[in-house]
Amino acid sequence: MRTISELIRAAVDDAGDKAWLLTHDGELTYAQMLARVERAASALRATGVQRGDRVLTTPRNTADYLLSWFALMPRLPSAATRSAFRAANWLW
């Protein structure tokens, strides 16, 4: 079974300059997507996030959310939440 990281790299090898995502801001190619995912993963590591840490993400209908999710996937369990939640909802 291949990991998400392996699947992403295979897609870049096959279609690096083709559109991966179209948004109102334009298009993002497979190669651009991988570069942004790698930058996000590097930034997470630089802030001290390590395998096994919990990282809370709030889903938004944006390319940045997808990219951050891919950056977290090979390294960390992530918990997606609804964006309507507020700080009071996180108390436990």
C-alpha atoms as a PDB file:
ATOM      1  CA  MET A   1       0.000   0.000   0.000  1.00  0.00           C
ATOM      2  CA  ARG A   2       1.336   3.422  -0.966  1.00  0.00           C
ATOM      3  CA  THR A   3       1.346   6.379   1.369  1.00  0.00           C
ATOM      4  CA  ILE A   4      -0.259   9.719   0.573  1.00  0.00           C
ATOM      5  CA  SER A   5       3.229  11.198   0.145  1.00  0.00           C
ATOM      6  CA  GLU A   6       4.117   8.506  -2.391  1.00  0.00           C
ATOM      7  CA  LEU A   7       0.875   9.080  -4.292  1.00  0.00           C
ATOM      8  CA  ILE A   8       1.453  12.838  -4.414  1.00  0.00           C
ATOM      9  CA  ARG A   9       5.030  12.397  -5.676  1.00  0.00           C
ATOM     10  CA  ALA A  10       3.846   9.912  -8.322  1.00  0.00           C
ATOM     11  CA  ALA A  11       1.210  12.407  -9.484  1.00  0.00           C
ATOM     12  CA  VAL A  12       3.877  15.119  -9.740  1.00  0.00           C
ATOM     13  CA  ASP A  13       6.098  12.774 -11.750  1.00  0.00           C
ATOM     14  CA  ASP A  14       3.214  12.011 -14.124  1.00  0.00           C
ATOM     15  CA  ALA A  15       1.582  15.421 -14.421  1.00  0.00           C
ATOM     16  CA  GLY A  16       3.807  18.029 -12.736  1.00  0.00           C
ATOM     17  CA  ASP A  17       2.888  20.951 -14.973  1.00  0.00           C
ATOM     18  CA  LYS A  18      -0.811  20.082 -15.296  1.00  0.00           C
ATOM     19  CA  ALA A  19      -3.542  21.692 -13.213  1.00  0.00           C
ATOM     20  CA  TRP A  20      -4.178  20.034  -9.874  1.00  0.00           C
ATOM     21  CA  LEU A  21      -6.643  22.596  -8.552  1.00  0.00           C
ATOM     22  CA  LEU A  22      -8.579  25.455 -10.121  1.00  0.00           C
ATOM     23  CA  THR A  23      -9.726  28.292  -7.870  1.00  0.00           C
ATOM     24  CA  HIS A  24     -11.070  31.790  -8.318  1.00  0.00           C
ATOM     25  CA  ASP A  25      -7.441  32.924  -7.865  1.00  0.00           C
ATOM     26  CA  GLY A  26      -6.188  30.781 -10.737  1.00  0.00           C
ATOM     27  CA  GLU A  27      -4.700  27.330 -11.048  1.00  0.00           C
ATOM     28  CA  LEU A  28      -2.236  25.356  -9.009  1.00  0.00           C
ATOM     29  CA  THR A  29      -0.188  22.693 -10.774  1.00  0.00           C
ATOM     30  CA  TYR A  30       0.816  19.369  -9.253  1.00  0.00           C
ATOM     31  CA  ALA A  31       4.411  20.585  -8.944  1.00  0.00           C
ATOM     32  CA  GLN A  32       3.329  23.834  -7.274  1.00  0.00           C
ATOM     33  CA  MET A  33       1.110  21.863  -4.904  1.00  0.00           C
ATOM     34  CA  LEU A  34       4.007  19.622  -3.847  1.00  0.00           C
ATOM     35  CA  ALA A  35       6.308  22.621  -3.334  1.00  0.00           C
ATOM     36  CA  ARG A  36       3.720  24.321  -1.105  1.00  0.00           C
ATOM     37  CA  VAL A  37       3.047  21.111   0.842  1.00  0.00           C
ATOM     38  CA  GLU A  38       6.777  20.674   1.445  1.00  0.00           C
ATOM     39  CA  ARG A  39       7.084  24.318   2.607  1.00  0.00           C
ATOM     40  CA  ALA A  40       4.154  23.858   4.993  1.00  0.00           C
ATOM     41  CA  ALA A  41       5.607  20.604   6.371  1.00  0.00           C
ATOM     42  CA  SER A  42       8.969  22.299   6.852  1.00  0.00           C
ATOM     43  CA  ALA A  43       7.330  25.194   8.690  1.00  0.00           C
ATOM     44  CA  LEU A  44       5.515  22.758  10.980  1.00  0.00           C
ATOM     45  CA  ARG A  45       8.781  20.982  11.797  1.00  0.00           C
ATOM     46  CA  ALA A  46      10.519  24.328  12.381  1.00  0.00           C
ATOM     47  CA  THR A  47       7.916  25.261  15.005  1.00  0.00           C
ATOM     48  CA  GLY A  48       8.554  22.000  16.827  1.00  0.00           C
ATOM     49  CA  VAL A  49       5.649  19.880  15.603  1.00  0.00           C
ATOM     50  CA  GLN A  50       6.683  16.233  15.763  1.00  0.00           C
ATOM     51  CA  ARG A  51       5.229  12.841  14.890  1.00  0.00           C
ATOM     52  CA  GLY A  52       2.508  12.014  17.393  1.00  0.00           C
ATOM     53  CA  ASP A  53       1.662  15.631  18.207  1.00  0.00           C
ATOM     54  CA  ARG A  54      -1.955  16.657  17.852  1.00  0.00           C
ATOM     55  CA  VAL A  55      -2.640  19.515  15.466  1.00  0.00           C
ATOM     56  CA  LEU A  56      -6.080  21.060  15.276  1.00  0.00           C
ATOM     57  CA  THR A  57      -7.164  22.182  11.828  1.00  0.00           C
ATOM     58  CA  THR A  58     -10.290  24.076  10.883  1.00  0.00           C
ATOM     59  CA  PRO A  59     -11.586  23.115   7.452  1.00  0.00           C
ATOM     60  CA  ARG A  60     -12.093  25.966   5.066  1.00  0.00           C
ATOM     61  CA  ASN A  61     -12.999  25.804   1.432  1.00  0.00           C
ATOM     62  CA  THR A  62      -9.523  26.916   0.364  1.00  0.00           C
ATOM     63  CA  ALA A  63      -6.453  25.529  -1.331  1.00  0.00           C
ATOM     64  CA  ASP A  64      -4.404  26.408   1.768  1.00  0.00           C
ATOM     65  CA  TYR A  65      -6.509  24.073   3.918  1.00  0.00           C
ATOM     66  CA  LEU A  66      -5.965  21.192   1.494  1.00  0.00           C
ATOM     67  CA  LEU A  67      -2.247  21.908   1.364  1.00  0.00           C
ATOM     68  CA  SER A  68      -1.922  22.035   5.153  1.00  0.00           C
ATOM     69  CA  TRP A  69      -3.847  18.767   5.429  1.00  0.00           C
ATOM     70  CA  PHE A  70      -1.448  17.096   2.988  1.00  0.00           C
ATOM     71  CA  ALA A  71       1.508  18.555   4.919  1.00  0.00           C
ATOM     72  CA  LEU A  72       0.194  16.985   8.138  1.00  0.00           C
ATOM     73  CA  MET A  73      -0.933  13.644   6.755  1.00  0.00           C
ATOM     74  CA  PRO A  74       2.338  11.727   6.517  1.00  0.00           C
ATOM     75  CA  ARG A  75       3.474  12.948   9.913  1.00  0.00           C
ATOM     76  CA  LEU A  76       0.599  13.531  12.270  1.00  0.00           C
ATOM     77  CA  PRO A  77      -2.923  12.518  13.172  1.00  0.00           C
ATOM     78  CA  SER A  78      -5.104  15.521  12.419  1.00  0.00           C
ATOM     79  CA  ALA A  79      -8.557  16.341  13.719  1.00  0.00           C
ATOM     80  CA  ALA A  80     -10.766  18.241  11.289  1.00  0.00           C
ATOM     81  CA  THR A  81     -13.374  20.506  12.846  1.00  0.00           C
ATOM     82  CA  ARG A  82     -16.230  22.639  11.674  1.00  0.00           C
ATOM     83  CA  SER A  83     -15.314  26.292  11.125  1.00  0.00           C
ATOM     84  CA  ALA A  84     -18.485  27.348  12.998  1.00  0.00           C
ATOM     85  CA  PHE A  85     -16.929  26.202  16.296  1.00  0.00           C
ATOM     86  CA  ARG A  86     -15.623  28.891  18.610  1.00  0.00           C
ATOM     87  CA  ALA A  87     -13.081  28.840  21.459  1.00  0.00           C
ATOM     88  CA  ALA A  88     -15.721  27.823  24.012  1.00  0.00           C
ATOM     89  CA  ASN A  89     -16.303  24.608  22.034  1.00  0.00           C
ATOM     90  CA  TRP A  90     -12.706  23.475  22.630  1.00  0.00           C
ATOM     91  CA  LEU A  91     -12.928  23.252  26.413  1.00  0.00           C
ATOM     92  CA  TRP A  92     -12.689  19.714  27.725  1.00  0.00           C
END
